[in-house]
Amino acid sequence: MFAGKTLWDFLQMGLYTMTVLVICSIISLTFILERAYHIRSKTRVKRPAFMSKIKSYIESNSLQGAVAYAGTIISPLARVVQAGLLLVGKSDEKITNAMDRQISIEVKELEKYTGIIGSIGSTVVYIGLFGTVLGIIKAFQDIASAAGSGTGITGVVAGIAEALITTASGIAVAVPSVIAYNTIMNKIDTMSADMEICASETLDLLRK
């Protein structure tokens, strides 16, 4: 039934709905790749090794060395720790608040564009179903207008099959978007937990 069909043919089958789905898939893929690259670049620094280095500086009474070292590391962990180290001499509450604020800033930056990915993953299926409903309505209208002209069950099956293309396309876009969204959010949760641990460890080191 679909043998020899081109992408343009499928787009025409789904009317405007297929065009919307193609646009959604391009947007989703773009932001998935962007977030994957961004988060990967932020997770190269491992918390145990980083905090071990910070601990060695602080225990050797080289606070400026710890601040300088944290400043050379491109990582949310380093920025959180540096926010606390820059307030040494202030109250524990002020140091904690500074690191908590930095954690919020870093998490917000990591979550950038993830809402778009999640929204596409949760809505494209419904867009596909909408296209299918429109397609089925059109198929039955064609059948009704062709009544008495010899159109039989073959015409009904062909029309409905074409209408279901949009639902299949919607699912094909939704599945990778949802998987990518959940994977990215799990990574962000892990990084957020690491930042909180770093903040707690830094405060403990400064209290000694």
N, C-alpha and C. Protein backbone atom coordinates (compact mmCIF):
# COMPACT_ATOMS: atom_id res chain seq x y z
N MET A 1 0.82 -1.22 0.00
CA MET A 1 0.00 0.00 0.00
C MET A 1 0.86 1.27 0.00
N PHE A 2 1.98 1.20 0.76
CA PHE A 2 2.86 2.36 0.84
C PHE A 2 4.15 2.18 0.04
N ALA A 3 4.21 1.10 -0.73
CA ALA A 3 5.42 0.83 -1.50
C ALA A 3 5.66 1.95 -2.51
N GLY A 4 6.92 2.41 -2.57
CA GLY A 4 7.26 3.44 -3.54
C GLY A 4 6.91 4.85 -3.11
N LYS A 5 6.37 5.00 -1.90
CA LYS A 5 6.00 6.32 -1.41
C LYS A 5 7.24 7.09 -0.98
N THR A 6 7.28 8.37 -1.30
CA THR A 6 8.38 9.22 -0.88
C THR A 6 7.99 10.00 0.38
N LEU A 7 8.97 10.69 0.97
CA LEU A 7 8.68 11.50 2.16
C LEU A 7 7.65 12.56 1.83
N TRP A 8 7.74 13.14 0.66
CA TRP A 8 6.77 14.15 0.25
C TRP A 8 5.36 13.56 0.16
N ASP A 9 5.26 12.31 -0.30
CA ASP A 9 3.96 11.65 -0.37
C ASP A 9 3.37 11.48 1.02
N PHE A 10 4.21 11.08 2.00
CA PHE A 10 3.72 10.91 3.36
C PHE A 10 3.30 12.25 3.97
N LEU A 11 4.04 13.30 3.65
CA LEU A 11 3.68 14.63 4.14
C LEU A 11 2.31 15.04 3.61
N GLN A 12 2.07 14.72 2.35
CA GLN A 12 0.78 15.06 1.75
C GLN A 12 -0.35 14.23 2.34
N MET A 13 -0.06 13.00 2.71
CA MET A 13 -1.08 12.14 3.33
C MET A 13 -1.56 12.74 4.65
N GLY A 14 -0.62 13.27 5.42
CA GLY A 14 -0.96 13.79 6.74
C GLY A 14 -1.38 15.24 6.73
N LEU A 15 -1.58 15.79 5.54
CA LEU A 15 -1.97 17.19 5.42
C LEU A 15 -0.97 18.06 6.17
N TYR A 16 -1.46 19.07 6.90
CA TYR A 16 -0.56 19.98 7.62
C TYR A 16 -0.01 19.35 8.90
N THR A 17 -0.65 18.32 9.40
CA THR A 17 -0.21 17.70 10.65
C THR A 17 1.18 17.11 10.53
N MET A 18 1.47 16.46 9.42
CA MET A 18 2.78 15.86 9.22
C MET A 18 3.87 16.93 9.18
N THR A 19 3.55 18.07 8.62
CA THR A 19 4.52 19.18 8.58
C THR A 19 4.84 19.64 9.99
N VAL A 20 3.80 19.76 10.82
CA VAL A 20 4.00 20.16 12.22
C VAL A 20 4.86 19.12 12.95
N LEU A 21 4.60 17.84 12.70
CA LEU A 21 5.37 16.78 13.35
C LEU A 21 6.83 16.79 12.92
N VAL A 22 7.07 17.05 11.66
CA VAL A 22 8.46 17.12 11.17
C VAL A 22 9.18 18.29 11.84
N ILE A 23 8.51 19.43 11.95
CA ILE A 23 9.12 20.60 12.61
C ILE A 23 9.41 20.29 14.07
N CYS A 24 8.46 19.63 14.74
CA CYS A 24 8.65 19.26 16.15
C CYS A 24 9.84 18.31 16.31
N SER A 25 9.98 17.37 15.39
CA SER A 25 11.09 16.41 15.48
C SER A 25 12.44 17.11 15.30
N ILE A 26 12.49 18.09 14.40
CA ILE A 26 13.74 18.83 14.18
C ILE A 26 14.09 19.66 15.42
N ILE A 27 13.09 20.33 15.99
CA ILE A 27 13.33 21.14 17.19
C ILE A 27 13.78 20.26 18.34
N SER A 28 13.08 19.14 18.54
CA SER A 28 13.42 18.23 19.64
C SER A 28 14.83 17.70 19.49
N LEU A 29 15.18 17.23 18.29
CA LEU A 29 16.52 16.68 18.06
C LEU A 29 17.60 17.73 18.29
N THR A 30 17.33 18.95 17.86
CA THR A 30 18.31 20.04 18.02
C THR A 30 18.60 20.28 19.50
N PHE A 31 17.55 20.40 20.30
CA PHE A 31 17.75 20.69 21.72
C PHE A 31 18.28 19.48 22.50
N ILE A 32 17.93 18.27 22.05
CA ILE A 32 18.47 17.07 22.69
C ILE A 32 19.99 17.03 22.51
N LEU A 33 20.45 17.27 21.28
CA LEU A 33 21.89 17.25 21.01
C LEU A 33 22.60 18.38 21.75
N GLU A 34 21.97 19.56 21.81
CA GLU A 34 22.58 20.70 22.49
C GLU A 34 22.72 20.43 23.99
N ARG A 35 21.65 19.90 24.60
CA ARG A 35 21.70 19.62 26.05
C ARG A 35 22.66 18.47 26.35
N ALA A 36 22.69 17.46 25.47
CA ALA A 36 23.60 16.33 25.69
C ALA A 36 25.05 16.80 25.68
N TYR A 37 25.39 17.65 24.73
CA TYR A 37 26.75 18.18 24.65
C TYR A 37 27.05 19.06 25.85
N HIS A 38 26.10 19.92 26.22
CA HIS A 38 26.31 20.85 27.33
C HIS A 38 26.52 20.10 28.65
N ILE A 39 25.65 19.14 28.92
CA ILE A 39 25.74 18.40 30.18
C ILE A 39 26.98 17.53 30.21
N ARG A 40 27.33 16.95 29.07
CA ARG A 40 28.54 16.13 29.02
C ARG A 40 29.77 16.96 29.36
N SER A 41 29.80 18.19 28.88
CA SER A 41 30.94 19.07 29.15
C SER A 41 31.01 19.47 30.62
N LYS A 42 29.86 19.43 31.32
CA LYS A 42 29.82 19.82 32.72
C LYS A 42 30.10 18.66 33.68
N THR A 43 30.08 17.44 33.16
CA THR A 43 30.25 16.28 34.03
C THR A 43 31.63 15.64 33.91
N ARG A 44 32.55 16.30 33.24
CA ARG A 44 33.89 15.74 33.08
C ARG A 44 34.66 15.76 34.40
N VAL A 45 34.35 16.74 35.26
CA VAL A 45 35.02 16.85 36.56
C VAL A 45 34.29 15.96 37.56
N LYS A 46 35.01 15.05 38.19
CA LYS A 46 34.41 14.13 39.14
C LYS A 46 34.52 14.70 40.56
N ARG A 47 33.44 14.62 41.28
CA ARG A 47 33.37 15.21 42.62
C ARG A 47 34.45 14.71 43.58
N PRO A 48 34.68 13.40 43.72
CA PRO A 48 35.69 12.96 44.70
C PRO A 48 37.08 13.55 44.44
N ALA A 49 37.52 13.52 43.17
CA ALA A 49 38.84 14.04 42.85
C ALA A 49 38.91 15.55 43.06
N PHE A 50 37.86 16.24 42.67
CA PHE A 50 37.84 17.70 42.82
C PHE A 50 37.86 18.10 44.30
N MET A 51 37.03 17.47 45.11
CA MET A 51 36.96 17.83 46.53
C MET A 51 38.23 17.42 47.27
N SER A 52 38.87 16.36 46.81
CA SER A 52 40.14 15.95 47.42
C SER A 52 41.19 17.04 47.23
N LYS A 53 41.20 17.65 46.05
CA LYS A 53 42.15 18.73 45.77
C LYS A 53 41.83 19.96 46.62
N ILE A 54 40.54 20.30 46.71
CA ILE A 54 40.13 21.44 47.54
C ILE A 54 40.51 21.21 49.00
N LYS A 55 40.30 19.99 49.46
CA LYS A 55 40.62 19.65 50.85
C LYS A 55 42.12 19.81 51.12
N SER A 56 42.94 19.40 50.17
CA SER A 56 44.39 19.51 50.37
C SER A 56 44.82 20.97 50.46
N TYR A 57 44.20 21.84 49.69
CA TYR A 57 44.53 23.27 49.76
C TYR A 57 44.11 23.86 51.11
N ILE A 58 42.90 23.54 51.53
CA ILE A 58 42.39 24.12 52.78
C ILE A 58 43.18 23.61 53.97
N GLU A 59 43.48 22.31 53.99
CA GLU A 59 44.22 21.74 55.11
C GLU A 59 45.66 22.26 55.18
N SER A 60 46.17 22.76 54.06
CA SER A 60 47.51 23.34 54.06
C SER A 60 47.46 24.86 54.24
N ASN A 61 46.27 25.34 54.67
CA ASN A 61 46.06 26.77 54.93
C ASN A 61 46.30 27.64 53.69
N SER A 62 45.99 27.09 52.54
CA SER A 62 46.15 27.84 51.29
C SER A 62 44.76 28.12 50.70
N LEU A 63 44.03 29.00 51.37
CA LEU A 63 42.67 29.33 50.93
C LEU A 63 42.68 29.95 49.54
N GLN A 64 43.63 30.86 49.31
CA GLN A 64 43.72 31.50 48.00
C GLN A 64 44.02 30.47 46.91
N GLY A 65 44.82 29.47 47.27
CA GLY A 65 45.10 28.41 46.31
C GLY A 65 43.85 27.63 45.96
N ALA A 66 43.00 27.38 46.98
CA ALA A 66 41.74 26.67 46.74
C ALA A 66 40.82 27.48 45.85
N VAL A 67 40.75 28.80 46.12
CA VAL A 67 39.90 29.68 45.32
C VAL A 67 40.40 29.72 43.87
N ALA A 68 41.72 29.86 43.72
CA ALA A 68 42.31 29.92 42.38
C ALA A 68 42.09 28.62 41.63
N TYR A 69 42.26 27.50 42.32
CA TYR A 69 42.06 26.19 41.68
C TYR A 69 40.62 26.03 41.23
N ALA A 70 39.68 26.38 42.09
CA ALA A 70 38.25 26.27 41.74
C ALA A 70 37.93 27.16 40.54
N GLY A 71 38.63 28.31 40.45
CA GLY A 71 38.39 29.22 39.33
C GLY A 71 38.88 28.70 38.00
N THR A 72 39.80 27.75 38.03
CA THR A 72 40.33 27.20 36.78
C THR A 72 39.51 26.01 36.27
N ILE A 73 38.62 25.51 37.11
CA ILE A 73 37.82 24.33 36.74
C ILE A 73 36.48 24.78 36.15
N ILE A 74 36.20 24.33 34.94
CA ILE A 74 34.92 24.66 34.29
C ILE A 74 33.89 23.59 34.66
N SER A 75 33.22 23.84 35.75
CA SER A 75 32.24 22.87 36.25
C SER A 75 31.30 23.55 37.25
N PRO A 76 30.03 23.15 37.29
CA PRO A 76 29.13 23.68 38.30
C PRO A 76 29.63 23.41 39.72
N LEU A 77 30.29 22.27 39.92
CA LEU A 77 30.83 21.93 41.25
C LEU A 77 31.82 22.99 41.71
N ALA A 78 32.69 23.40 40.81
CA ALA A 78 33.72 24.38 41.15
C ALA A 78 33.10 25.73 41.48
N ARG A 79 32.09 26.13 40.73
CA ARG A 79 31.47 27.44 40.97
C ARG A 79 30.73 27.46 42.30
N VAL A 80 30.12 26.34 42.66
CA VAL A 80 29.44 26.26 43.95
C VAL A 80 30.45 26.37 45.09
N VAL A 81 31.52 25.61 45.00
CA VAL A 81 32.55 25.64 46.05
C VAL A 81 33.20 27.01 46.12
N GLN A 82 33.49 27.60 44.99
CA GLN A 82 34.12 28.92 44.96
C GLN A 82 33.22 29.98 45.60
N ALA A 83 31.91 29.86 45.39
CA ALA A 83 30.98 30.80 46.00
C ALA A 83 31.08 30.77 47.52
N GLY A 84 31.33 29.58 48.08
CA GLY A 84 31.49 29.46 49.53
C GLY A 84 32.85 29.94 50.00
N LEU A 85 33.89 29.59 49.25
CA LEU A 85 35.25 29.96 49.65
C LEU A 85 35.46 31.47 49.65
N LEU A 86 34.78 32.17 48.78
CA LEU A 86 34.93 33.63 48.69
C LEU A 86 34.33 34.35 49.90
N LEU A 87 33.56 33.63 50.70
CA LEU A 87 32.93 34.25 51.88
C LEU A 87 33.52 33.74 53.19
N VAL A 88 34.71 33.18 53.12
CA VAL A 88 35.38 32.71 54.34
C VAL A 88 35.54 33.89 55.30
N GLY A 89 35.19 33.65 56.55
CA GLY A 89 35.22 34.71 57.55
C GLY A 89 33.82 35.20 57.88
N LYS A 90 32.88 34.94 56.99
CA LYS A 90 31.49 35.28 57.24
C LYS A 90 30.83 34.15 58.04
N SER A 91 29.58 34.34 58.41
CA SER A 91 28.87 33.32 59.18
C SER A 91 28.58 32.10 58.31
N ASP A 92 28.39 30.96 58.98
CA ASP A 92 28.05 29.73 58.25
C ASP A 92 26.77 29.91 57.43
N GLU A 93 25.84 30.68 57.96
CA GLU A 93 24.58 30.88 57.26
C GLU A 93 24.79 31.62 55.94
N LYS A 94 25.65 32.64 55.95
CA LYS A 94 25.90 33.39 54.72
C LYS A 94 26.65 32.53 53.70
N ILE A 95 27.59 31.73 54.18
CA ILE A 95 28.32 30.85 53.28
C ILE A 95 27.38 29.81 52.65
N THR A 96 26.53 29.24 53.50
CA THR A 96 25.57 28.24 53.02
C THR A 96 24.60 28.85 52.02
N ASN A 97 24.09 30.05 52.33
CA ASN A 97 23.15 30.72 51.42
C ASN A 97 23.79 31.01 50.07
N ALA A 98 25.06 31.42 50.10
CA ALA A 98 25.76 31.73 48.85
C ALA A 98 25.89 30.48 47.98
N MET A 99 26.24 29.36 48.59
CA MET A 99 26.38 28.12 47.83
C MET A 99 25.03 27.60 47.36
N ASP A 100 24.00 27.76 48.19
CA ASP A 100 22.66 27.34 47.77
C ASP A 100 22.16 28.15 46.58
N ARG A 101 22.43 29.45 46.61
CA ARG A 101 22.04 30.30 45.47
C ARG A 101 22.76 29.88 44.20
N GLN A 102 24.04 29.56 44.34
CA GLN A 102 24.81 29.14 43.17
C GLN A 102 24.30 27.81 42.63
N ILE A 103 23.90 26.92 43.53
CA ILE A 103 23.33 25.64 43.09
C ILE A 103 22.07 25.89 42.28
N SER A 104 21.22 26.79 42.76
CA SER A 104 19.98 27.12 42.03
C SER A 104 20.28 27.68 40.66
N ILE A 105 21.30 28.54 40.58
CA ILE A 105 21.69 29.13 39.29
C ILE A 105 22.18 28.05 38.34
N GLU A 106 23.01 27.14 38.85
CA GLU A 106 23.57 26.08 38.01
C GLU A 106 22.49 25.12 37.53
N VAL A 107 21.56 24.76 38.41
CA VAL A 107 20.49 23.85 38.03
C VAL A 107 19.59 24.49 36.96
N LYS A 108 19.31 25.77 37.15
CA LYS A 108 18.49 26.48 36.16
C LYS A 108 19.17 26.49 34.81
N GLU A 109 20.47 26.67 34.79
CA GLU A 109 21.22 26.66 33.53
C GLU A 109 21.21 25.27 32.89
N LEU A 110 21.34 24.25 33.71
CA LEU A 110 21.34 22.88 33.19
C LEU A 110 19.97 22.50 32.62
N GLU A 111 18.91 23.04 33.21
CA GLU A 111 17.55 22.70 32.79
C GLU A 111 17.07 23.52 31.59
N LYS A 112 17.92 24.41 31.10
CA LYS A 112 17.56 25.24 29.97
C LYS A 112 17.17 24.38 28.76
N TYR A 113 16.07 24.68 28.16
CA TYR A 113 15.54 24.00 26.96
C TYR A 113 14.92 22.63 27.25
N THR A 114 15.11 22.09 28.47
CA THR A 114 14.54 20.76 28.73
C THR A 114 13.00 20.80 28.72
N GLY A 115 12.43 21.95 29.07
CA GLY A 115 10.97 22.07 29.03
C GLY A 115 10.43 21.91 27.63
N ILE A 116 11.19 22.40 26.65
CA ILE A 116 10.76 22.27 25.25
C ILE A 116 10.78 20.80 24.83
N ILE A 117 11.84 20.08 25.22
CA ILE A 117 11.94 18.66 24.88
C ILE A 117 10.79 17.88 25.52
N GLY A 118 10.54 18.16 26.81
CA GLY A 118 9.47 17.46 27.52
C GLY A 118 8.11 17.77 26.93
N SER A 119 7.89 19.03 26.57
CA SER A 119 6.59 19.43 26.00
C SER A 119 6.35 18.75 24.65
N ILE A 120 7.39 18.69 23.84
CA ILE A 120 7.24 18.03 22.54
C ILE A 120 6.95 16.54 22.74
N GLY A 121 7.69 15.92 23.67
CA GLY A 121 7.47 14.50 23.92
C GLY A 121 6.07 14.17 24.40
N SER A 122 5.47 15.10 25.14
CA SER A 122 4.15 14.83 25.72
C SER A 122 2.98 15.27 24.84
N THR A 123 3.26 16.06 23.79
CA THR A 123 2.15 16.58 22.97
C THR A 123 2.11 16.04 21.54
N VAL A 124 3.25 15.59 21.01
CA VAL A 124 3.24 15.19 19.60
C VAL A 124 2.32 13.99 19.33
N VAL A 125 2.14 13.13 20.32
CA VAL A 125 1.23 12.01 20.12
C VAL A 125 -0.18 12.52 19.86
N TYR A 126 -0.57 13.55 20.62
CA TYR A 126 -1.91 14.12 20.44
C TYR A 126 -2.03 14.85 19.12
N ILE A 127 -0.93 15.47 18.69
CA ILE A 127 -0.94 16.10 17.37
C ILE A 127 -1.14 15.04 16.30
N GLY A 128 -0.45 13.90 16.46
CA GLY A 128 -0.61 12.80 15.52
C GLY A 128 -2.03 12.26 15.50
N LEU A 129 -2.62 12.12 16.70
CA LEU A 129 -4.01 11.64 16.77
C LEU A 129 -4.97 12.63 16.13
N PHE A 130 -4.69 13.91 16.32
CA PHE A 130 -5.52 14.94 15.69
C PHE A 130 -5.48 14.80 14.17
N GLY A 131 -4.26 14.57 13.66
CA GLY A 131 -4.13 14.38 12.22
C GLY A 131 -4.86 13.14 11.74
N THR A 132 -4.83 12.09 12.55
CA THR A 132 -5.54 10.85 12.19
C THR A 132 -7.04 11.08 12.14
N VAL A 133 -7.56 11.80 13.13
CA VAL A 133 -9.00 12.10 13.14
C VAL A 133 -9.39 12.89 11.90
N LEU A 134 -8.59 13.90 11.57
CA LEU A 134 -8.88 14.68 10.36
C LEU A 134 -8.81 13.80 9.11
N GLY A 135 -7.82 12.90 9.08
CA GLY A 135 -7.66 12.01 7.93
C GLY A 135 -8.83 11.05 7.78
N ILE A 136 -9.31 10.52 8.91
CA ILE A 136 -10.44 9.58 8.85
C ILE A 136 -11.71 10.31 8.42
N ILE A 137 -11.88 11.52 8.94
CA ILE A 137 -13.04 12.32 8.52
C ILE A 137 -13.01 12.54 7.02
N LYS A 138 -11.83 12.90 6.51
CA LYS A 138 -11.68 13.13 5.07
C LYS A 138 -11.93 11.84 4.28
N ALA A 139 -11.43 10.70 4.83
CA ALA A 139 -11.61 9.42 4.14
C ALA A 139 -13.09 9.07 4.00
N PHE A 140 -13.84 9.27 5.07
CA PHE A 140 -15.26 8.94 5.02
C PHE A 140 -16.04 9.93 4.16
N GLN A 141 -15.58 11.18 4.13
CA GLN A 141 -16.22 12.14 3.24
C GLN A 141 -16.01 11.74 1.78
N ASP A 142 -14.78 11.28 1.48
CA ASP A 142 -14.50 10.83 0.11
C ASP A 142 -15.34 9.62 -0.24
N ILE A 143 -15.51 8.71 0.73
CA ILE A 143 -16.30 7.51 0.49
C ILE A 143 -17.76 7.87 0.25
N ALA A 144 -18.24 8.81 1.10
CA ALA A 144 -19.64 9.23 0.96
C ALA A 144 -19.89 9.89 -0.40
N SER A 145 -18.94 10.71 -0.83
CA SER A 145 -19.11 11.40 -2.11
C SER A 145 -18.96 10.45 -3.30
N ALA A 146 -18.29 9.33 -3.05
CA ALA A 146 -18.07 8.36 -4.13
C ALA A 146 -19.07 7.22 -4.08
N ALA A 147 -20.08 7.34 -3.22
CA ALA A 147 -21.08 6.28 -3.09
C ALA A 147 -21.76 6.04 -4.44
N GLY A 148 -21.83 4.77 -4.79
CA GLY A 148 -22.47 4.42 -6.06
C GLY A 148 -21.50 4.42 -7.23
N SER A 149 -20.25 4.85 -6.94
CA SER A 149 -19.29 4.88 -8.05
C SER A 149 -18.37 3.67 -8.03
N GLY A 150 -18.66 2.72 -7.12
CA GLY A 150 -17.87 1.49 -7.10
C GLY A 150 -16.85 1.45 -5.99
N THR A 151 -16.75 2.48 -5.19
CA THR A 151 -15.80 2.48 -4.08
C THR A 151 -16.25 1.50 -3.01
N GLY A 152 -15.42 0.54 -2.65
CA GLY A 152 -15.79 -0.46 -1.67
C GLY A 152 -14.89 -0.44 -0.46
N ILE A 153 -14.74 -1.61 0.16
CA ILE A 153 -13.94 -1.73 1.37
C ILE A 153 -12.49 -1.36 1.14
N THR A 154 -11.99 -1.57 -0.07
CA THR A 154 -10.60 -1.23 -0.39
C THR A 154 -10.35 0.26 -0.20
N GLY A 155 -11.29 1.07 -0.64
CA GLY A 155 -11.16 2.51 -0.47
C GLY A 155 -11.18 2.93 0.98
N VAL A 156 -12.04 2.26 1.77
CA VAL A 156 -12.12 2.56 3.20
C VAL A 156 -10.80 2.24 3.88
N VAL A 157 -10.27 1.05 3.61
CA VAL A 157 -9.01 0.62 4.23
C VAL A 157 -7.87 1.54 3.84
N ALA A 158 -7.78 1.90 2.58
CA ALA A 158 -6.70 2.76 2.11
C ALA A 158 -6.76 4.13 2.78
N GLY A 159 -7.96 4.68 2.88
CA GLY A 159 -8.12 6.00 3.49
C GLY A 159 -7.74 6.01 4.95
N ILE A 160 -8.17 4.99 5.69
CA ILE A 160 -7.86 4.91 7.12
C ILE A 160 -6.37 4.64 7.33
N ALA A 161 -5.80 3.79 6.49
CA ALA A 161 -4.37 3.50 6.59
C ALA A 161 -3.54 4.76 6.42
N GLU A 162 -3.92 5.58 5.46
CA GLU A 162 -3.21 6.84 5.25
C GLU A 162 -3.39 7.77 6.44
N ALA A 163 -4.58 7.77 7.02
CA ALA A 163 -4.85 8.64 8.16
C ALA A 163 -4.01 8.26 9.38
N LEU A 164 -3.75 6.95 9.53
CA LEU A 164 -2.99 6.48 10.69
C LEU A 164 -1.50 6.83 10.61
N ILE A 165 -1.05 7.30 9.46
CA ILE A 165 0.36 7.68 9.30
C ILE A 165 0.75 8.75 10.34
N THR A 166 -0.15 9.69 10.59
CA THR A 166 0.19 10.77 11.52
C THR A 166 0.33 10.27 12.95
N THR A 167 -0.50 9.30 13.35
CA THR A 167 -0.36 8.74 14.69
C THR A 167 0.97 8.02 14.84
N ALA A 168 1.32 7.22 13.85
CA ALA A 168 2.61 6.52 13.88
C ALA A 168 3.77 7.51 13.93
N SER A 169 3.66 8.59 13.17
CA SER A 169 4.72 9.60 13.15
C SER A 169 4.81 10.31 14.50
N GLY A 170 3.66 10.59 15.11
CA GLY A 170 3.65 11.23 16.42
C GLY A 170 4.33 10.37 17.47
N ILE A 171 4.06 9.08 17.45
CA ILE A 171 4.70 8.16 18.40
C ILE A 171 6.21 8.10 18.13
N ALA A 172 6.58 8.08 16.85
CA ALA A 172 8.00 8.01 16.49
C ALA A 172 8.78 9.23 16.98
N VAL A 173 8.13 10.37 17.03
CA VAL A 173 8.78 11.58 17.55
C VAL A 173 8.74 11.60 19.07
N ALA A 174 7.64 11.15 19.66
CA ALA A 174 7.46 11.24 21.11
C ALA A 174 8.40 10.33 21.89
N VAL A 175 8.58 9.10 21.43
CA VAL A 175 9.37 8.12 22.19
C VAL A 175 10.80 8.60 22.45
N PRO A 176 11.58 8.97 21.41
CA PRO A 176 12.94 9.45 21.70
C PRO A 176 12.97 10.74 22.50
N SER A 177 11.96 11.60 22.31
CA SER A 177 11.92 12.86 23.07
C SER A 177 11.72 12.60 24.55
N VAL A 178 10.81 11.69 24.87
CA VAL A 178 10.54 11.36 26.28
C VAL A 178 11.74 10.66 26.91
N ILE A 179 12.34 9.72 26.19
CA ILE A 179 13.51 9.02 26.71
C ILE A 179 14.65 10.02 26.96
N ALA A 180 14.88 10.90 25.99
CA ALA A 180 15.95 11.90 26.14
C ALA A 180 15.67 12.83 27.30
N TYR A 181 14.43 13.26 27.44
CA TYR A 181 14.05 14.17 28.54
C TYR A 181 14.31 13.52 29.89
N ASN A 182 13.86 12.28 30.05
CA ASN A 182 14.06 11.57 31.33
C ASN A 182 15.54 11.35 31.62
N THR A 183 16.30 11.01 30.58
CA THR A 183 17.74 10.79 30.77
C THR A 183 18.43 12.08 31.19
N ILE A 184 18.09 13.18 30.52
CA ILE A 184 18.70 14.48 30.84
C ILE A 184 18.34 14.91 32.26
N MET A 185 17.09 14.74 32.64
CA MET A 185 16.67 15.15 33.99
C MET A 185 17.32 14.29 35.06
N ASN A 186 17.54 13.01 34.78
CA ASN A 186 18.25 12.16 35.73
C ASN A 186 19.70 12.63 35.91
N LYS A 187 20.33 13.02 34.80
CA LYS A 187 21.69 13.55 34.86
C LYS A 187 21.73 14.83 35.70
N ILE A 188 20.74 15.69 35.50
CA ILE A 188 20.68 16.95 36.24
C ILE A 188 20.46 16.68 37.73
N ASP A 189 19.60 15.72 38.06
CA ASP A 189 19.37 15.37 39.46
C ASP A 189 20.66 14.87 40.11
N THR A 190 21.42 14.07 39.37
CA THR A 190 22.69 13.56 39.89
C THR A 190 23.68 14.70 40.13
N MET A 191 23.75 15.63 39.17
CA MET A 191 24.65 16.76 39.31
C MET A 191 24.22 17.67 40.45
N SER A 192 22.92 17.84 40.61
CA SER A 192 22.41 18.67 41.71
C SER A 192 22.78 18.06 43.06
N ALA A 193 22.67 16.74 43.16
CA ALA A 193 23.06 16.06 44.39
C ALA A 193 24.55 16.22 44.66
N ASP A 194 25.37 16.12 43.60
CA ASP A 194 26.82 16.30 43.75
C ASP A 194 27.15 17.72 44.22
N MET A 195 26.43 18.70 43.68
CA MET A 195 26.67 20.09 44.10
C MET A 195 26.31 20.29 45.57
N GLU A 196 25.22 19.67 46.02
CA GLU A 196 24.83 19.79 47.42
C GLU A 196 25.86 19.12 48.34
N ILE A 197 26.39 17.98 47.89
CA ILE A 197 27.42 17.29 48.67
C ILE A 197 28.68 18.15 48.74
N CYS A 198 29.06 18.74 47.61
CA CYS A 198 30.23 19.62 47.59
C CYS A 198 30.05 20.80 48.55
N ALA A 199 28.86 21.37 48.55
CA ALA A 199 28.58 22.51 49.43
C ALA A 199 28.71 22.08 50.90
N SER A 200 28.16 20.91 51.21
CA SER A 200 28.24 20.42 52.60
C SER A 200 29.67 20.12 53.00
N GLU A 201 30.43 19.49 52.11
CA GLU A 201 31.82 19.16 52.41
C GLU A 201 32.67 20.43 52.57
N THR A 202 32.40 21.41 51.74
CA THR A 202 33.15 22.67 51.83
C THR A 202 32.90 23.36 53.16
N LEU A 203 31.65 23.39 53.58
CA LEU A 203 31.31 24.02 54.87
C LEU A 203 31.99 23.27 56.02
N ASP A 204 32.01 21.95 55.94
CA ASP A 204 32.69 21.17 57.00
C ASP A 204 34.19 21.47 57.03
N LEU A 205 34.80 21.61 55.85
CA LEU A 205 36.23 21.90 55.79
C LEU A 205 36.54 23.28 56.36
N LEU A 206 35.67 24.23 56.12
CA LEU A 206 35.90 25.59 56.61
C LEU A 206 35.68 25.70 58.12
N ARG A 207 34.92 24.79 58.68
CA ARG A 207 34.67 24.82 60.13
C ARG A 207 35.84 24.28 60.93
N LYS A 208 36.69 23.51 60.28
CA LYS A 208 37.80 22.87 61.01
C LYS A 208 38.87 23.90 61.37
